[in-house]
Amino acid sequence: MSEIINNSYELLPLLINAEYFEVEFTKKDGESRTMICEFKSTRHIKSGIMTVLDIEIDKYRSINFDTIDKLIVDNTIYNRLNKSFVVIGKKATYLIEKIEEILDNVVIILYSLDRKVIESIYEVITGLDSNQKEAVNSVFSYFEVEDCFSYQILLDVISDKLEFISSVSLKEITKNKLYRINIPLDYIDISYNEDYKPNIQEVSAFYFESDNGVLQIQYEEL
């Protein structure tokens, strides 16, 4: 059963002691707004109104407690339920579920990452097309095999700086000499023998084979 906070003011100690918190509230014109903010002084709480510093614009703003729809404090999400708040879970867990929903795939390595990294990943993978989703799934497969995570590789694959070729294997990469596009010729030393075909081990230094295609994991070093 979810934890219920019956009185909004019970959350004040959490807000006051938090480094920062995120609040979603309804403005007077009915528009919903989300703000990342912090308290500077408890003197700024009067008659159900709290004055906080909007971190993103470095200006003070007033929020009516009665208009708050959601709070995210110390990685925990509090949703308004009538006059109370209900704890619905950790923000990191919530975002991971959203990421897995977008990718239609369980991504185990996400559970070991910092919440801020997870937030960044969520921001960059929203709105991916089907090929990019396959590429990102291959990225995470590579990270899990290598037991590592590189945000830069993820960005480079999404932006096509690193290539993803769907529905192909490393064997086909070597057979059809697709490696010529991205692998330095001097690396596999074929400059004196144009008929030479590198083996899969050589090509795999630059490519990773996943279930749905081959992912480039290293740049050509010119």
N, C-alpha and C. Protein backbone atom coordinates (compact mmCIF):
# COMPACT_ATOMS: atom_id res chain seq x y z
N MET A 1 0.84 -1.20 0.00
CA MET A 1 0.00 0.00 0.00
C MET A 1 0.87 1.25 0.00
N SER A 2 0.50 2.26 -0.79
CA SER A 2 1.29 3.48 -0.89
C SER A 2 1.19 4.30 0.38
N GLU A 3 2.29 5.00 0.69
CA GLU A 3 2.30 5.88 1.85
C GLU A 3 1.49 7.14 1.54
N ILE A 4 0.67 7.58 2.50
CA ILE A 4 -0.15 8.77 2.35
C ILE A 4 0.35 9.87 3.28
N ILE A 5 0.53 11.06 2.72
CA ILE A 5 0.87 12.24 3.52
C ILE A 5 -0.42 13.05 3.64
N ASN A 6 -1.04 13.02 4.81
CA ASN A 6 -2.36 13.63 4.98
C ASN A 6 -2.33 15.15 5.01
N ASN A 7 -1.24 15.71 5.44
CA ASN A 7 -1.14 17.17 5.56
C ASN A 7 0.04 17.66 4.73
N SER A 8 -0.22 18.59 3.83
CA SER A 8 0.83 19.11 2.95
C SER A 8 2.03 19.62 3.74
N TYR A 9 1.76 20.17 4.92
CA TYR A 9 2.83 20.78 5.70
C TYR A 9 3.78 19.74 6.28
N GLU A 10 3.37 18.47 6.27
CA GLU A 10 4.28 17.41 6.71
C GLU A 10 5.48 17.28 5.77
N LEU A 11 5.31 17.79 4.54
CA LEU A 11 6.40 17.72 3.56
C LEU A 11 7.41 18.85 3.72
N LEU A 12 7.06 19.86 4.50
CA LEU A 12 7.94 21.03 4.63
C LEU A 12 9.35 20.68 5.10
N PRO A 13 9.50 19.84 6.14
CA PRO A 13 10.87 19.51 6.56
C PRO A 13 11.71 18.91 5.43
N LEU A 14 11.06 18.09 4.58
CA LEU A 14 11.77 17.50 3.45
C LEU A 14 12.22 18.58 2.48
N LEU A 15 11.32 19.53 2.18
CA LEU A 15 11.63 20.60 1.23
C LEU A 15 12.72 21.52 1.77
N ILE A 16 12.62 21.84 3.04
CA ILE A 16 13.58 22.76 3.65
C ILE A 16 14.99 22.17 3.66
N ASN A 17 15.07 20.85 3.91
CA ASN A 17 16.38 20.21 4.03
C ASN A 17 16.94 19.70 2.71
N ALA A 18 16.11 19.69 1.66
CA ALA A 18 16.57 19.19 0.37
C ALA A 18 17.51 20.19 -0.30
N GLU A 19 18.49 19.66 -1.02
CA GLU A 19 19.39 20.53 -1.79
C GLU A 19 18.57 21.30 -2.83
N TYR A 20 17.64 20.62 -3.46
CA TYR A 20 16.69 21.23 -4.37
C TYR A 20 15.52 20.26 -4.51
N PHE A 21 14.41 20.75 -5.05
CA PHE A 21 13.27 19.87 -5.30
C PHE A 21 12.53 20.36 -6.53
N GLU A 22 11.74 19.46 -7.09
CA GLU A 22 10.97 19.77 -8.30
C GLU A 22 9.50 19.82 -7.94
N VAL A 23 8.82 20.85 -8.39
CA VAL A 23 7.41 21.01 -8.06
C VAL A 23 6.61 21.26 -9.33
N GLU A 24 5.48 20.58 -9.42
CA GLU A 24 4.55 20.79 -10.53
C GLU A 24 3.28 21.36 -9.94
N PHE A 25 2.85 22.53 -10.42
CA PHE A 25 1.68 23.18 -9.83
C PHE A 25 0.84 23.85 -10.92
N THR A 26 -0.38 24.24 -10.53
CA THR A 26 -1.29 24.90 -11.46
C THR A 26 -1.30 26.39 -11.19
N LYS A 27 -1.01 27.17 -12.21
CA LYS A 27 -0.98 28.62 -12.07
C LYS A 27 -2.40 29.18 -12.03
N LYS A 28 -2.52 30.48 -11.73
CA LYS A 28 -3.84 31.11 -11.62
C LYS A 28 -4.63 31.03 -12.92
N ASP A 29 -3.91 31.03 -14.06
CA ASP A 29 -4.60 30.97 -15.35
C ASP A 29 -4.96 29.54 -15.76
N GLY A 30 -4.69 28.57 -14.86
CA GLY A 30 -5.03 27.18 -15.14
C GLY A 30 -3.92 26.40 -15.82
N GLU A 31 -2.85 27.09 -16.19
CA GLU A 31 -1.73 26.42 -16.87
C GLU A 31 -0.86 25.67 -15.86
N SER A 32 -0.40 24.48 -16.27
CA SER A 32 0.47 23.68 -15.42
C SER A 32 1.92 24.10 -15.64
N ARG A 33 2.68 24.16 -14.55
CA ARG A 33 4.08 24.56 -14.66
C ARG A 33 4.94 23.68 -13.77
N THR A 34 6.14 23.35 -14.25
CA THR A 34 7.11 22.59 -13.47
C THR A 34 8.31 23.48 -13.19
N MET A 35 8.77 23.44 -11.94
CA MET A 35 9.87 24.31 -11.53
C MET A 35 10.84 23.55 -10.64
N ILE A 36 12.13 23.74 -10.88
CA ILE A 36 13.17 23.18 -10.01
C ILE A 36 13.61 24.32 -9.10
N CYS A 37 13.50 24.10 -7.80
CA CYS A 37 13.69 25.21 -6.89
C CYS A 37 14.31 24.79 -5.57
N GLU A 38 14.56 25.79 -4.72
CA GLU A 38 15.10 25.53 -3.39
C GLU A 38 14.63 26.62 -2.44
N PHE A 39 14.59 26.26 -1.16
CA PHE A 39 14.29 27.23 -0.12
C PHE A 39 15.56 27.98 0.25
N LYS A 40 15.42 29.25 0.49
CA LYS A 40 16.54 30.03 1.02
C LYS A 40 16.32 30.36 2.49
N SER A 41 15.04 30.43 2.91
CA SER A 41 14.74 30.75 4.29
C SER A 41 13.33 30.28 4.64
N THR A 42 13.16 29.74 5.86
CA THR A 42 11.83 29.31 6.29
C THR A 42 10.92 30.51 6.56
N ARG A 43 11.49 31.70 6.59
CA ARG A 43 10.66 32.90 6.77
C ARG A 43 9.78 33.14 5.55
N HIS A 44 10.09 32.43 4.46
CA HIS A 44 9.35 32.62 3.22
C HIS A 44 8.16 31.67 3.10
N ILE A 45 7.63 31.25 4.25
CA ILE A 45 6.43 30.41 4.26
C ILE A 45 5.37 31.11 5.10
N LYS A 46 4.32 31.60 4.44
CA LYS A 46 3.28 32.33 5.15
C LYS A 46 1.91 31.99 4.57
N SER A 47 1.00 31.61 5.43
CA SER A 47 -0.41 31.39 5.06
C SER A 47 -0.57 30.50 3.84
N GLY A 48 0.15 29.38 3.82
CA GLY A 48 0.01 28.43 2.72
C GLY A 48 0.76 28.82 1.47
N ILE A 49 1.51 29.90 1.52
CA ILE A 49 2.31 30.34 0.37
C ILE A 49 3.79 30.16 0.70
N MET A 50 4.52 29.54 -0.20
CA MET A 50 5.97 29.43 0.01
C MET A 50 6.70 30.15 -1.12
N THR A 51 7.69 30.91 -0.74
CA THR A 51 8.52 31.63 -1.70
C THR A 51 9.82 30.87 -1.85
N VAL A 52 10.12 30.51 -3.08
CA VAL A 52 11.30 29.68 -3.35
C VAL A 52 12.14 30.33 -4.46
N LEU A 53 13.36 29.86 -4.57
CA LEU A 53 14.24 30.32 -5.65
C LEU A 53 14.11 29.38 -6.82
N ASP A 54 13.69 29.90 -7.98
CA ASP A 54 13.66 29.12 -9.22
C ASP A 54 15.10 29.01 -9.71
N ILE A 55 15.68 27.83 -9.60
CA ILE A 55 17.10 27.64 -9.89
C ILE A 55 17.42 27.95 -11.35
N GLU A 56 16.52 27.60 -12.25
CA GLU A 56 16.81 27.73 -13.68
C GLU A 56 16.90 29.19 -14.13
N ILE A 57 16.14 30.09 -13.49
CA ILE A 57 16.17 31.50 -13.89
C ILE A 57 16.74 32.40 -12.80
N ASP A 58 17.09 31.80 -11.64
CA ASP A 58 17.68 32.52 -10.51
C ASP A 58 16.80 33.69 -10.06
N LYS A 59 15.49 33.39 -9.94
CA LYS A 59 14.54 34.40 -9.46
C LYS A 59 13.61 33.76 -8.44
N TYR A 60 13.08 34.59 -7.55
CA TYR A 60 12.16 34.09 -6.52
C TYR A 60 10.74 34.01 -7.08
N ARG A 61 10.05 32.94 -6.71
CA ARG A 61 8.68 32.73 -7.14
C ARG A 61 7.85 32.22 -5.95
N SER A 62 6.56 32.56 -5.93
CA SER A 62 5.66 32.13 -4.86
C SER A 62 4.77 31.01 -5.35
N ILE A 63 4.59 30.00 -4.49
CA ILE A 63 3.76 28.84 -4.84
C ILE A 63 2.74 28.63 -3.72
N ASN A 64 1.49 28.47 -4.11
CA ASN A 64 0.43 28.16 -3.17
C ASN A 64 0.41 26.65 -2.94
N PHE A 65 0.50 26.23 -1.69
CA PHE A 65 0.52 24.80 -1.38
C PHE A 65 -0.70 24.09 -1.95
N ASP A 66 -1.84 24.77 -1.99
CA ASP A 66 -3.08 24.14 -2.45
C ASP A 66 -3.09 23.88 -3.96
N THR A 67 -2.16 24.50 -4.69
CA THR A 67 -2.13 24.32 -6.15
C THR A 67 -1.08 23.32 -6.60
N ILE A 68 -0.32 22.75 -5.64
CA ILE A 68 0.73 21.79 -5.99
C ILE A 68 0.10 20.46 -6.42
N ASP A 69 0.51 19.96 -7.59
CA ASP A 69 0.02 18.69 -8.10
C ASP A 69 1.01 17.55 -7.87
N LYS A 70 2.30 17.89 -7.89
CA LYS A 70 3.33 16.86 -7.74
C LYS A 70 4.60 17.48 -7.16
N LEU A 71 5.27 16.71 -6.31
CA LEU A 71 6.57 17.10 -5.76
C LEU A 71 7.55 15.96 -5.98
N ILE A 72 8.78 16.31 -6.34
CA ILE A 72 9.84 15.31 -6.41
C ILE A 72 10.95 15.79 -5.49
N VAL A 73 11.14 15.06 -4.40
CA VAL A 73 12.10 15.45 -3.37
C VAL A 73 13.01 14.26 -3.07
N ASP A 74 14.31 14.49 -3.14
CA ASP A 74 15.27 13.42 -2.84
C ASP A 74 14.93 12.13 -3.58
N ASN A 75 14.62 12.29 -4.86
CA ASN A 75 14.36 11.15 -5.75
C ASN A 75 13.04 10.44 -5.50
N THR A 76 12.17 11.00 -4.65
CA THR A 76 10.86 10.39 -4.38
C THR A 76 9.76 11.27 -4.94
N ILE A 77 8.78 10.65 -5.60
CA ILE A 77 7.68 11.38 -6.22
C ILE A 77 6.46 11.36 -5.29
N TYR A 78 5.89 12.56 -5.05
CA TYR A 78 4.67 12.69 -4.25
C TYR A 78 3.59 13.29 -5.15
N ASN A 79 2.51 12.55 -5.35
CA ASN A 79 1.40 13.02 -6.18
C ASN A 79 0.25 13.47 -5.28
N ARG A 80 -0.42 14.56 -5.67
CA ARG A 80 -1.56 15.01 -4.88
C ARG A 80 -2.74 14.06 -5.06
N LEU A 81 -3.37 13.77 -3.96
CA LEU A 81 -4.59 12.97 -3.96
C LEU A 81 -5.60 13.71 -3.10
N ASN A 82 -6.50 14.47 -3.74
CA ASN A 82 -7.41 15.37 -3.03
C ASN A 82 -6.59 16.36 -2.18
N LYS A 83 -6.73 16.33 -0.86
CA LYS A 83 -5.98 17.26 -0.02
C LYS A 83 -4.71 16.63 0.55
N SER A 84 -4.44 15.38 0.16
CA SER A 84 -3.27 14.67 0.65
C SER A 84 -2.27 14.46 -0.48
N PHE A 85 -1.12 13.86 -0.12
CA PHE A 85 -0.13 13.46 -1.12
C PHE A 85 0.13 11.98 -0.95
N VAL A 86 0.30 11.28 -2.05
CA VAL A 86 0.60 9.86 -2.01
C VAL A 86 1.99 9.64 -2.60
N VAL A 87 2.78 8.83 -1.93
CA VAL A 87 4.12 8.50 -2.42
C VAL A 87 3.99 7.43 -3.50
N ILE A 88 4.38 7.77 -4.73
CA ILE A 88 4.18 6.81 -5.82
C ILE A 88 5.48 6.11 -6.24
N GLY A 89 6.61 6.46 -5.62
CA GLY A 89 7.85 5.73 -5.91
C GLY A 89 9.02 6.65 -6.20
N LYS A 90 10.12 6.03 -6.55
CA LYS A 90 11.35 6.75 -6.86
C LYS A 90 11.32 7.28 -8.29
N LYS A 91 11.84 8.49 -8.46
CA LYS A 91 11.86 9.08 -9.79
C LYS A 91 12.73 8.28 -10.74
N ALA A 92 13.88 7.80 -10.23
CA ALA A 92 14.77 7.01 -11.08
C ALA A 92 14.04 5.78 -11.61
N THR A 93 13.32 5.08 -10.73
CA THR A 93 12.58 3.88 -11.15
C THR A 93 11.50 4.24 -12.16
N TYR A 94 10.82 5.35 -11.92
CA TYR A 94 9.77 5.83 -12.83
C TYR A 94 10.35 6.09 -14.22
N LEU A 95 11.51 6.77 -14.28
CA LEU A 95 12.13 7.10 -15.56
C LEU A 95 12.64 5.85 -16.27
N ILE A 96 13.19 4.92 -15.51
CA ILE A 96 13.65 3.67 -16.11
C ILE A 96 12.49 2.94 -16.78
N GLU A 97 11.36 2.90 -16.11
CA GLU A 97 10.18 2.25 -16.68
C GLU A 97 9.75 2.95 -17.97
N LYS A 98 9.85 4.29 -17.99
CA LYS A 98 9.51 5.04 -19.20
C LYS A 98 10.49 4.74 -20.33
N ILE A 99 11.78 4.66 -19.99
CA ILE A 99 12.81 4.36 -20.99
C ILE A 99 12.58 2.97 -21.57
N GLU A 100 12.31 2.01 -20.70
CA GLU A 100 12.07 0.64 -21.16
C GLU A 100 10.80 0.56 -22.00
N GLU A 101 9.83 1.39 -21.68
CA GLU A 101 8.60 1.45 -22.47
C GLU A 101 8.89 1.99 -23.87
N ILE A 102 9.72 3.03 -23.95
CA ILE A 102 10.09 3.61 -25.25
C ILE A 102 10.85 2.60 -26.10
N LEU A 103 11.80 1.90 -25.47
CA LEU A 103 12.66 0.96 -26.19
C LEU A 103 12.02 -0.41 -26.36
N ASP A 104 10.91 -0.65 -25.64
CA ASP A 104 10.25 -1.96 -25.65
C ASP A 104 11.26 -3.05 -25.29
N ASN A 105 12.04 -2.77 -24.24
CA ASN A 105 13.11 -3.67 -23.86
C ASN A 105 13.49 -3.43 -22.40
N VAL A 106 13.82 -4.49 -21.70
CA VAL A 106 14.32 -4.36 -20.32
C VAL A 106 15.80 -4.02 -20.38
N VAL A 107 16.20 -2.92 -19.73
CA VAL A 107 17.59 -2.46 -19.78
C VAL A 107 18.18 -2.55 -18.38
N ILE A 108 18.83 -3.66 -18.12
CA ILE A 108 19.30 -3.96 -16.76
C ILE A 108 20.30 -2.94 -16.25
N ILE A 109 21.19 -2.48 -17.12
CA ILE A 109 22.27 -1.60 -16.66
C ILE A 109 21.76 -0.26 -16.14
N LEU A 110 20.56 0.14 -16.54
CA LEU A 110 20.00 1.41 -16.07
C LEU A 110 19.87 1.45 -14.56
N TYR A 111 19.61 0.29 -13.96
CA TYR A 111 19.36 0.24 -12.52
C TYR A 111 20.62 0.51 -11.69
N SER A 112 21.78 0.51 -12.34
CA SER A 112 23.02 0.78 -11.62
C SER A 112 23.52 2.21 -11.84
N LEU A 113 22.77 3.00 -12.61
CA LEU A 113 23.21 4.35 -12.95
C LEU A 113 22.66 5.41 -12.01
N ASP A 114 23.35 6.52 -11.94
CA ASP A 114 22.93 7.66 -11.13
C ASP A 114 21.64 8.26 -11.70
N ARG A 115 20.79 8.79 -10.81
CA ARG A 115 19.50 9.34 -11.25
C ARG A 115 19.67 10.44 -12.29
N LYS A 116 20.67 11.31 -12.11
CA LYS A 116 20.87 12.41 -13.06
C LYS A 116 21.24 11.88 -14.45
N VAL A 117 22.01 10.80 -14.48
CA VAL A 117 22.36 10.18 -15.77
C VAL A 117 21.10 9.60 -16.40
N ILE A 118 20.27 8.96 -15.59
CA ILE A 118 19.02 8.38 -16.10
C ILE A 118 18.12 9.47 -16.66
N GLU A 119 18.06 10.61 -15.97
CA GLU A 119 17.27 11.74 -16.46
C GLU A 119 17.79 12.21 -17.83
N SER A 120 19.11 12.28 -17.97
CA SER A 120 19.71 12.71 -19.24
C SER A 120 19.40 11.71 -20.35
N ILE A 121 19.48 10.42 -20.04
CA ILE A 121 19.18 9.39 -21.03
C ILE A 121 17.73 9.50 -21.47
N TYR A 122 16.83 9.69 -20.52
CA TYR A 122 15.41 9.81 -20.85
C TYR A 122 15.17 10.99 -21.80
N GLU A 123 15.84 12.10 -21.54
CA GLU A 123 15.66 13.29 -22.38
C GLU A 123 16.12 13.05 -23.81
N VAL A 124 17.23 12.32 -23.99
CA VAL A 124 17.77 12.18 -25.35
C VAL A 124 17.09 11.07 -26.16
N ILE A 125 16.41 10.12 -25.48
CA ILE A 125 15.83 9.03 -26.27
C ILE A 125 14.34 9.22 -26.55
N THR A 126 13.75 10.28 -26.05
CA THR A 126 12.35 10.55 -26.39
C THR A 126 12.28 10.99 -27.85
N GLY A 127 11.36 10.44 -28.57
CA GLY A 127 11.19 10.83 -29.97
C GLY A 127 12.09 10.11 -30.95
N LEU A 128 12.65 8.96 -30.56
CA LEU A 128 13.50 8.19 -31.48
C LEU A 128 12.65 7.50 -32.55
N ASP A 129 13.22 7.36 -33.75
CA ASP A 129 12.53 6.56 -34.76
C ASP A 129 12.88 5.09 -34.54
N SER A 130 12.27 4.19 -35.31
CA SER A 130 12.42 2.75 -35.07
C SER A 130 13.86 2.29 -35.23
N ASN A 131 14.59 2.83 -36.21
CA ASN A 131 15.97 2.42 -36.41
C ASN A 131 16.85 2.88 -35.25
N GLN A 132 16.58 4.08 -34.76
CA GLN A 132 17.35 4.59 -33.63
C GLN A 132 17.08 3.78 -32.36
N LYS A 133 15.84 3.32 -32.20
CA LYS A 133 15.51 2.48 -31.05
C LYS A 133 16.31 1.18 -31.10
N GLU A 134 16.40 0.58 -32.30
CA GLU A 134 17.19 -0.63 -32.45
C GLU A 134 18.65 -0.35 -32.12
N ALA A 135 19.14 0.81 -32.58
CA ALA A 135 20.53 1.18 -32.32
C ALA A 135 20.78 1.35 -30.82
N VAL A 136 19.86 2.03 -30.13
CA VAL A 136 20.02 2.26 -28.70
C VAL A 136 19.95 0.95 -27.93
N ASN A 137 19.07 0.06 -28.35
CA ASN A 137 19.01 -1.26 -27.71
C ASN A 137 20.34 -2.00 -27.87
N SER A 138 20.97 -1.85 -29.03
CA SER A 138 22.27 -2.47 -29.25
C SER A 138 23.35 -1.82 -28.39
N VAL A 139 23.24 -0.50 -28.19
CA VAL A 139 24.17 0.21 -27.32
C VAL A 139 24.11 -0.37 -25.91
N PHE A 140 22.91 -0.53 -25.39
CA PHE A 140 22.76 -1.04 -24.03
C PHE A 140 23.19 -2.51 -23.94
N SER A 141 22.98 -3.27 -25.01
CA SER A 141 23.48 -4.65 -25.02
C SER A 141 25.00 -4.67 -24.91
N TYR A 142 25.64 -3.76 -25.62
CA TYR A 142 27.11 -3.65 -25.56
C TYR A 142 27.56 -3.27 -24.16
N PHE A 143 26.90 -2.29 -23.55
CA PHE A 143 27.27 -1.85 -22.21
C PHE A 143 27.14 -2.98 -21.20
N GLU A 144 26.10 -3.79 -21.35
CA GLU A 144 25.88 -4.87 -20.39
C GLU A 144 26.91 -5.98 -20.56
N VAL A 145 27.29 -6.25 -21.82
CA VAL A 145 28.33 -7.25 -22.06
C VAL A 145 29.67 -6.78 -21.51
N GLU A 146 29.97 -5.49 -21.71
CA GLU A 146 31.24 -4.94 -21.27
C GLU A 146 31.22 -4.47 -19.82
N ASP A 147 30.04 -4.50 -19.22
CA ASP A 147 29.87 -4.06 -17.83
C ASP A 147 30.36 -2.62 -17.64
N CYS A 148 29.92 -1.75 -18.52
CA CYS A 148 30.32 -0.34 -18.45
C CYS A 148 29.19 0.51 -19.02
N PHE A 149 29.32 1.81 -18.90
CA PHE A 149 28.36 2.71 -19.53
C PHE A 149 29.08 3.96 -20.00
N SER A 150 28.81 4.38 -21.23
CA SER A 150 29.37 5.61 -21.77
C SER A 150 28.25 6.44 -22.38
N TYR A 151 27.96 7.55 -21.72
CA TYR A 151 26.91 8.44 -22.21
C TYR A 151 27.29 9.00 -23.58
N GLN A 152 28.59 9.21 -23.80
CA GLN A 152 29.05 9.78 -25.07
C GLN A 152 28.80 8.83 -26.23
N ILE A 153 29.05 7.53 -26.02
CA ILE A 153 28.76 6.56 -27.08
C ILE A 153 27.28 6.56 -27.42
N LEU A 154 26.44 6.63 -26.40
CA LEU A 154 25.00 6.68 -26.62
C LEU A 154 24.63 7.88 -27.49
N LEU A 155 25.17 9.06 -27.15
CA LEU A 155 24.89 10.27 -27.93
C LEU A 155 25.42 10.14 -29.35
N ASP A 156 26.61 9.56 -29.50
CA ASP A 156 27.23 9.45 -30.83
C ASP A 156 26.45 8.52 -31.73
N VAL A 157 25.88 7.46 -31.17
CA VAL A 157 25.08 6.54 -31.97
C VAL A 157 23.77 7.20 -32.40
N ILE A 158 23.13 7.91 -31.46
CA ILE A 158 21.88 8.58 -31.78
C ILE A 158 22.08 9.66 -32.85
N SER A 159 23.22 10.35 -32.80
CA SER A 159 23.50 11.42 -33.76
C SER A 159 24.18 10.92 -35.03
N ASP A 160 24.33 9.59 -35.14
CA ASP A 160 24.93 8.95 -36.33
C ASP A 160 26.42 9.21 -36.49
N LYS A 161 27.08 9.65 -35.44
CA LYS A 161 28.54 9.76 -35.50
C LYS A 161 29.17 8.37 -35.45
N LEU A 162 28.49 7.46 -34.78
CA LEU A 162 28.84 6.04 -34.81
C LEU A 162 27.72 5.31 -35.52
N GLU A 163 28.08 4.39 -36.38
CA GLU A 163 27.11 3.77 -37.28
C GLU A 163 26.45 2.53 -36.68
N PHE A 164 25.17 2.38 -36.96
CA PHE A 164 24.44 1.16 -36.63
C PHE A 164 23.87 0.59 -37.92
N ILE A 165 24.14 -0.69 -38.18
CA ILE A 165 23.62 -1.35 -39.37
C ILE A 165 22.70 -2.46 -38.91
N SER A 166 21.42 -2.29 -39.17
CA SER A 166 20.44 -3.27 -38.70
C SER A 166 20.45 -4.52 -39.56
N SER A 167 20.03 -5.63 -38.95
CA SER A 167 19.86 -6.91 -39.64
C SER A 167 21.10 -7.34 -40.41
N VAL A 168 22.25 -7.22 -39.77
CA VAL A 168 23.50 -7.67 -40.40
C VAL A 168 24.36 -8.28 -39.29
N SER A 169 25.28 -9.15 -39.68
CA SER A 169 26.16 -9.80 -38.71
C SER A 169 27.60 -9.38 -38.96
N LEU A 170 28.46 -9.66 -37.99
CA LEU A 170 29.88 -9.38 -38.19
C LEU A 170 30.45 -10.19 -39.36
N LYS A 171 29.91 -11.39 -39.54
CA LYS A 171 30.37 -12.22 -40.66
C LYS A 171 30.08 -11.54 -41.99
N GLU A 172 28.90 -10.93 -42.09
CA GLU A 172 28.55 -10.21 -43.32
C GLU A 172 29.38 -8.94 -43.46
N ILE A 173 29.68 -8.31 -42.32
CA ILE A 173 30.52 -7.11 -42.35
C ILE A 173 31.87 -7.43 -42.99
N THR A 174 32.49 -8.54 -42.56
CA THR A 174 33.80 -8.90 -43.10
C THR A 174 33.70 -9.41 -44.54
N LYS A 175 32.68 -10.21 -44.82
CA LYS A 175 32.53 -10.80 -46.15
C LYS A 175 32.32 -9.73 -47.21
N ASN A 176 31.50 -8.72 -46.88
CA ASN A 176 31.18 -7.68 -47.87
C ASN A 176 32.08 -6.45 -47.76
N LYS A 177 33.11 -6.55 -46.90
CA LYS A 177 34.08 -5.47 -46.73
C LYS A 177 33.43 -4.15 -46.34
N LEU A 178 32.36 -4.21 -45.56
CA LEU A 178 31.72 -2.99 -45.07
C LEU A 178 32.63 -2.25 -44.10
N TYR A 179 33.60 -2.97 -43.54
CA TYR A 179 34.53 -2.36 -42.60
C TYR A 179 35.35 -1.26 -43.25
N ARG A 180 35.47 -1.29 -44.57
CA ARG A 180 36.28 -0.28 -45.26
C ARG A 180 35.78 1.14 -45.00
N ILE A 181 34.51 1.28 -44.68
CA ILE A 181 33.93 2.60 -44.46
C ILE A 181 34.53 3.26 -43.23
N ASN A 182 34.70 2.48 -42.19
CA ASN A 182 35.04 3.06 -40.90
C ASN A 182 36.33 2.57 -40.25
N ILE A 183 36.90 1.48 -40.76
CA ILE A 183 38.11 0.95 -40.13
C ILE A 183 39.35 1.38 -40.89
N PRO A 184 40.33 1.94 -40.19
CA PRO A 184 41.57 2.36 -40.87
C PRO A 184 42.23 1.18 -41.57
N LEU A 185 42.63 1.38 -42.79
CA LEU A 185 43.24 0.28 -43.54
C LEU A 185 44.52 -0.19 -42.89
N ASP A 186 45.27 0.74 -42.30
CA ASP A 186 46.55 0.33 -41.71
C ASP A 186 46.34 -0.50 -40.45
N TYR A 187 45.13 -0.39 -39.86
CA TYR A 187 44.87 -1.20 -38.66
C TYR A 187 44.88 -2.69 -38.98
N ILE A 188 44.25 -3.04 -40.10
CA ILE A 188 44.20 -4.46 -40.48
C ILE A 188 45.24 -4.78 -41.56
N ASP A 189 46.06 -3.79 -41.89
CA ASP A 189 47.23 -4.01 -42.75
C ASP A 189 46.89 -4.68 -44.07
N ILE A 190 45.93 -4.06 -44.81
CA ILE A 190 45.59 -4.62 -46.12
C ILE A 190 46.04 -3.71 -47.25
N SER A 191 46.81 -2.70 -46.90
CA SER A 191 47.22 -1.73 -47.92
C SER A 191 48.03 -2.37 -49.04
N TYR A 192 48.71 -3.50 -48.73
CA TYR A 192 49.52 -4.15 -49.77
C TYR A 192 48.83 -5.38 -50.34
N ASN A 193 47.63 -5.63 -49.84
CA ASN A 193 46.91 -6.81 -50.31
C ASN A 193 45.42 -6.51 -50.29
N GLU A 194 44.91 -6.03 -51.39
CA GLU A 194 43.51 -5.62 -51.47
C GLU A 194 42.54 -6.79 -51.34
N ASP A 195 43.02 -8.00 -51.52
CA ASP A 195 42.15 -9.17 -51.41
C ASP A 195 42.05 -9.72 -49.99
N TYR A 196 42.83 -9.15 -49.11
CA TYR A 196 42.83 -9.65 -47.73
C TYR A 196 41.50 -9.33 -47.04
N LYS A 197 40.99 -10.33 -46.35
CA LYS A 197 39.76 -10.13 -45.58
C LYS A 197 40.08 -10.33 -44.10
N PRO A 198 39.86 -9.30 -43.29
CA PRO A 198 40.15 -9.45 -41.86
C PRO A 198 39.18 -10.44 -41.23
N ASN A 199 39.60 -11.04 -40.15
CA ASN A 199 38.70 -11.97 -39.47
C ASN A 199 37.78 -11.21 -38.53
N ILE A 200 36.81 -11.93 -37.99
CA ILE A 200 35.79 -11.30 -37.14
C ILE A 200 36.41 -10.68 -35.91
N GLN A 201 37.45 -11.31 -35.36
CA GLN A 201 38.10 -10.76 -34.17
C GLN A 201 38.68 -9.38 -34.44
N GLU A 202 39.28 -9.22 -35.62
CA GLU A 202 39.85 -7.91 -35.97
C GLU A 202 38.76 -6.85 -36.11
N VAL A 203 37.68 -7.22 -36.79
CA VAL A 203 36.60 -6.27 -37.03
C VAL A 203 35.86 -5.95 -35.73
N SER A 204 35.78 -6.93 -34.83
CA SER A 204 35.04 -6.72 -33.59
C SER A 204 35.71 -5.71 -32.67
N ALA A 205 36.96 -5.32 -32.97
CA ALA A 205 37.58 -4.24 -32.21
C ALA A 205 36.89 -2.91 -32.50
N PHE A 206 36.19 -2.85 -33.63
CA PHE A 206 35.51 -1.63 -34.03
C PHE A 206 33.99 -1.77 -34.00
N TYR A 207 33.50 -3.01 -34.08
CA TYR A 207 32.06 -3.24 -34.14
C TYR A 207 31.62 -4.23 -33.06
N PHE A 208 30.36 -4.07 -32.65
CA PHE A 208 29.76 -4.98 -31.68
C PHE A 208 28.52 -5.59 -32.32
N GLU A 209 28.40 -6.91 -32.25
CA GLU A 209 27.25 -7.59 -32.84
C GLU A 209 26.18 -7.83 -31.78
N SER A 210 24.98 -7.34 -32.06
CA SER A 210 23.84 -7.54 -31.16
C SER A 210 22.79 -8.40 -31.86
N ASP A 211 21.67 -8.60 -31.20
CA ASP A 211 20.62 -9.43 -31.78
C ASP A 211 19.99 -8.81 -33.01
N ASN A 212 20.02 -7.50 -33.10
CA ASN A 212 19.30 -6.83 -34.20
C ASN A 212 20.21 -6.06 -35.15
N GLY A 213 21.51 -6.30 -35.09
CA GLY A 213 22.40 -5.63 -36.03
C GLY A 213 23.79 -5.45 -35.47
N VAL A 214 24.60 -4.69 -36.20
CA VAL A 214 25.98 -4.44 -35.80
C VAL A 214 26.16 -2.96 -35.50
N LEU A 215 26.81 -2.70 -34.38
CA LEU A 215 26.98 -1.34 -33.87
C LEU A 215 28.45 -0.96 -33.90
N GLN A 216 28.76 0.19 -34.50
CA GLN A 216 30.14 0.68 -34.45
C GLN A 216 30.42 1.24 -33.06
N ILE A 217 31.50 0.84 -32.46
CA ILE A 217 31.82 1.27 -31.11
C ILE A 217 33.12 2.07 -31.02
N GLN A 218 33.82 2.19 -32.17
CA GLN A 218 35.04 3.01 -32.18
C GLN A 218 35.07 3.83 -33.46
N TYR A 219 35.65 5.03 -33.34
CA TYR A 219 35.81 5.89 -34.51
C TYR A 219 36.99 5.41 -35.34
N GLU A 220 36.98 5.82 -36.59
CA GLU A 220 38.17 5.65 -37.42
C GLU A 220 39.18 6.69 -36.97
N GLU A 221 40.38 6.25 -36.69
CA GLU A 221 41.43 7.17 -36.25
C GLU A 221 42.29 7.53 -37.44
N LEU A 222 42.04 8.70 -37.98
CA LEU A 222 42.77 9.13 -39.19
C LEU A 222 44.10 9.73 -38.83
